Protein backbone atom coordinates (compact mmCIF):
# COMPACT_ATOMS: atom_id res chain seq x y z
CA ASP A 1 -0.27 -7.97 -9.97
CA ALA A 2 0.00 -5.03 -7.46
CA SER A 3 -2.02 -2.59 -9.69
CA LYS A 4 -5.11 -5.10 -9.03
CA SER A 5 -5.22 -3.91 -5.28
CA ALA A 6 -6.15 -0.47 -6.04
CA ARG A 7 -9.54 -0.02 -4.82
CA ALA A 8 -11.94 3.18 -5.56
CA PHE A 9 -12.07 4.04 -2.02
CA LYS A 10 -14.06 7.62 -1.40
CA ASN A 11 -12.53 8.91 1.80
CA PRO A 12 -8.94 9.58 2.80
CA ALA A 13 -6.92 6.95 4.66
CA PRO A 14 -7.75 7.00 8.18
CA ILE A 15 -3.84 7.92 9.51
CA LEU A 16 -4.58 11.22 8.00
CA SER A 17 -6.69 12.02 10.80
CA LYS A 18 -4.43 10.83 13.64
CA PRO A 19 -3.37 13.89 15.79
CA ALA A 20 0.35 12.95 15.50
CA VAL A 21 -0.22 13.33 11.25
CA ARG A 22 -2.87 16.32 11.37
CA PRO A 23 -0.11 19.02 12.05
CA LEU A 24 2.02 17.89 9.08
CA ILE A 25 -1.03 18.83 6.60
CA ASP A 26 -3.21 21.08 8.25
CA GLY A 27 -0.49 24.03 8.12
CA SER A 28 1.53 25.65 5.52
CA PRO A 29 1.75 24.23 2.27
CA ARG A 30 4.41 21.34 1.71
CA SER A 31 5.46 19.54 -0.86
CA ILE A 32 4.23 15.69 -0.79
CA ILE A 33 4.80 12.58 -2.72
CA GLU A 34 2.67 9.70 -2.49
CA TYR A 35 3.68 6.30 -3.65
CA GLY A 36 0.71 4.00 -4.75
CA ALA A 37 -1.83 6.70 -5.04
CA GLY A 38 -4.65 4.41 -6.27
CA ASN A 39 -7.66 6.23 -7.34
CA LEU A 40 -6.11 9.69 -5.94
CA ARG A 41 -8.13 9.53 -2.77
CA ASN A 42 -5.64 10.79 -0.47
CA VAL A 43 -4.52 13.13 -3.63
CA ARG A 44 -7.67 15.18 -3.34
CA PHE A 45 -7.70 15.58 0.29
CA LEU A 46 -4.29 17.05 0.31
CA LEU A 47 -4.65 19.23 -2.68
CA GLN A 48 -7.92 20.81 -0.77
CA LYS A 49 -5.30 21.75 1.98
CA GLY A 50 -2.86 23.79 -0.80
CA HIS A 51 -0.15 21.24 -0.79
CA ARG A 52 2.23 20.71 -3.98
CA VAL A 53 1.31 16.82 -4.69
CA SER A 54 3.55 14.30 -6.80
CA VAL A 55 2.15 10.65 -7.29
CA VAL A 56 3.99 7.40 -7.88
CA GLU A 57 2.12 4.66 -9.58
CA LEU A 58 1.87 1.72 -11.83
CA LEU A 59 0.96 2.38 -15.08
CA PRO A 60 -2.21 -0.32 -15.49
CA THR A 61 -3.47 1.70 -12.29
CA ILE A 62 -3.19 5.15 -14.22
CA GLU A 63 -4.87 3.64 -16.98
CA ARG A 64 -7.63 2.08 -14.70
CA TYR A 65 -8.06 5.54 -13.43
CA ARG A 66 -7.30 7.66 -16.53
CA ASP A 67 -10.00 10.22 -15.69
CA GLU A 68 -8.68 11.14 -12.43
CA TYR A 69 -5.22 11.22 -13.25
CA ALA A 70 -5.87 13.27 -16.27
CA GLU A 71 -7.76 15.68 -14.35
CA PHE A 72 -4.96 15.61 -11.85
CA ARG A 73 -2.16 16.31 -14.23
CA ARG A 74 -5.02 19.64 -15.43
CA LYS A 75 -4.43 20.91 -11.63
CA GLY A 76 -0.28 20.93 -12.23
CA GLY A 77 -0.17 17.55 -10.78
CA VAL A 78 2.99 15.26 -11.32
CA VAL A 79 2.48 11.44 -11.97
CA PHE A 80 5.71 9.40 -11.92
CA THR A 81 5.35 5.94 -13.42
CA TRP A 82 6.97 3.11 -11.39
CA GLU A 83 8.12 1.12 -14.45
CA THR A 84 10.47 3.75 -15.95
CA SER A 85 13.68 2.78 -15.49
CA ASN A 86 15.30 6.10 -14.96
CA PHE A 87 12.80 7.35 -12.40
CA ARG A 88 13.71 4.12 -10.26
CA SER A 89 17.22 4.76 -10.15
CA THR A 90 16.79 8.32 -9.21
CA SER A 91 15.02 10.18 -7.01
CA PRO A 92 12.59 12.94 -8.64
CA ARG A 93 13.27 15.92 -5.82
CA LYS A 94 13.23 16.43 -2.27
CA PHE A 95 10.09 16.30 -0.55
CA ASP A 96 8.76 17.24 3.30
CA ILE A 97 6.25 14.27 3.21
CA ALA A 98 6.12 11.04 1.69
CA LEU A 99 2.61 8.89 1.70
CA ILE A 100 2.35 5.28 1.30
CA THR A 101 -0.67 3.97 2.59
CA PHE A 102 -1.82 0.05 2.24
CA VAL A 103 0.65 -0.19 -0.48
CA LEU A 104 3.77 -2.49 0.87
CA GLU A 105 1.40 -5.45 1.70
CA THR A 106 0.36 -5.88 -2.12
CA ILE A 107 4.31 -6.04 -3.29
CA CYS A 108 5.11 -10.03 -3.53
CA ARG A 109 9.13 -9.39 -3.61
CA PRO A 110 10.69 -8.32 -0.34
CA SER A 111 13.48 -6.80 -2.66
CA GLU A 112 10.90 -4.70 -4.25
CA ARG A 113 9.42 -3.52 -1.02
CA ARG A 114 12.83 -2.50 0.37
CA GLY A 115 13.76 -0.70 -3.14
CA LEU A 116 10.32 1.28 -2.90
CA LEU A 117 11.10 2.34 0.58
CA GLU A 118 14.58 3.22 -0.10
CA HIS A 119 13.69 5.33 -2.96
CA CYS A 120 11.10 7.03 -0.74
CA ARG A 121 13.73 7.75 1.71
CA ARG A 122 16.13 9.56 -1.06
CA SER A 123 13.12 11.15 -2.23
CA LEU A 124 12.84 13.46 1.23
CA LYS A 125 14.19 16.13 2.72
CA LYS A 126 16.92 15.61 5.85
CA SER A 127 13.76 16.90 7.76
CA GLY A 128 11.12 14.93 5.74
CA VAL A 129 8.52 12.39 7.12
CA LEU A 130 7.44 9.36 5.66
CA VAL A 131 3.48 8.92 6.65
CA LEU A 132 2.93 5.21 6.45
CA SER A 133 -0.12 2.59 7.05
CA VAL A 134 0.19 -1.25 6.38
CA ARG A 135 -2.36 -3.87 7.30
CA GLY A 136 -1.59 -5.91 10.35
CA HIS A 137 -2.16 -9.83 10.36
CA ARG A 138 -5.44 -9.57 11.79
CA ASP A 139 -6.51 -7.71 8.86
CA VAL A 140 -5.54 -10.26 6.51
CA VAL A 141 -7.12 -13.34 8.31
CA ALA A 142 -9.57 -14.33 5.49
CA ALA A 143 -6.93 -13.83 2.64
CA ASN A 144 -4.77 -16.03 4.67
CA ALA A 145 -7.22 -18.79 5.24
CA SER A 146 -8.38 -18.83 1.33
CA GLY A 147 -5.28 -17.56 -0.28
CA THR A 148 -2.58 -19.59 -1.87
CA PRO A 149 1.28 -19.64 -0.15
CA CYS A 150 3.36 -17.12 -2.02
CA SER A 151 6.68 -15.75 -1.35
CA ASP A 152 6.08 -14.79 2.41
CA GLY A 153 2.39 -13.89 1.92
CA TYR A 154 -0.71 -15.38 -0.19
CA SER A 155 -1.90 -15.22 -3.89
CA THR A 156 -5.76 -14.44 -3.61
CA SER A 157 -8.36 -15.13 -6.00
CA GLY A 158 -8.37 -11.94 -7.79
CA LYS A 159 -4.71 -12.53 -8.73
CA THR A 160 -3.40 -10.12 -6.13
CA PHE A 161 -0.73 -10.76 -3.55
CA ILE A 162 -1.27 -9.88 0.57
CA ARG A 163 0.57 -9.89 3.69
CA GLY A 164 0.11 -8.92 6.99
CA PHE A 165 2.76 -6.90 9.19
CA ASP A 166 3.25 -6.77 12.84
CA LEU A 167 5.09 -3.51 14.46
CA LYS A 168 8.41 -5.35 14.86
CA GLU A 169 8.64 -6.63 11.01
CA ILE A 170 7.44 -3.13 9.33
CA SER A 171 10.15 -1.63 11.74
CA HIS A 172 12.92 -3.77 10.70
CA LEU A 173 11.96 -3.33 7.01
CA LEU A 174 11.86 0.65 7.27
CA LEU A 175 15.54 0.34 9.32
CA GLN A 176 16.91 -1.85 6.08
CA SER A 177 15.68 0.89 4.06
CA GLY A 178 17.70 3.36 5.61
CA PHE A 179 15.06 5.04 8.08
CA THR A 180 16.70 5.96 11.49
CA SER A 181 13.65 6.93 13.44
CA ILE A 182 10.37 5.28 13.97
CA ARG A 183 7.27 5.99 15.78
CA ALA A 184 3.97 4.07 16.03
CA LEU A 185 0.74 5.69 15.99
CA HIS A 186 -1.51 3.01 16.72
CA SER A 187 -2.82 1.82 19.91
CA ARG A 188 -0.11 0.10 22.01
CA ASN A 189 -2.50 -1.77 24.17
CA PRO A 190 -3.34 -4.59 21.00
CA LYS A 191 -0.62 -6.83 20.49
CA ASN A 192 -1.00 -7.30 17.10
CA PRO A 193 -3.26 -4.38 15.58
CA GLU A 194 -5.41 -4.83 12.35
CA LEU A 195 -4.23 -1.60 10.90
CA LEU A 196 -0.43 -0.12 11.55
CA HIS A 197 0.05 3.56 11.19
CA VAL A 198 3.98 4.89 11.56
CA LEU A 199 5.88 8.09 11.19
CA ALA A 200 9.45 7.18 10.04
CA LYS A 201 12.65 9.42 9.37
């Protein structure tokens, strides 16, 4: 159940402070869509900068953080539910930026990961960019050791799914999903970084 993977983090995701990302979010207001917004930690940060933000989330997560989502809607935020079939078969509108942080590695079925990324690509303007973070293999060592093999990853004791990625794997998935330009933002020194940060178009 991917909805159980959402955590009550307070600070925005680390990728939003990366030098390559700051120019995207520190300038004039942009239209941004976040897939897997969780407790809206990134949304609060982006709203403070004046951006127009929409989110895509699972119904159980929206219910879990109902007060946060109600406040977001009161401020004019738009919420799409991933389970809605007409949403998944179309694109909400064209966005300047799409944001996905620590979501893909919690989705058990590879076809659903690709489906989410394909929808994300269709939601972006031609000049739009995906800002993406995933956990690397080194960051999920404990889960791999204690979890039960499931699909291409592991099922944890909390009944969530987890798998790590390396740059080759996440790049392949992005290319499969229709992205053609991929830029890695994490340090090139570690062969297997704990967290992977990527910009894709």
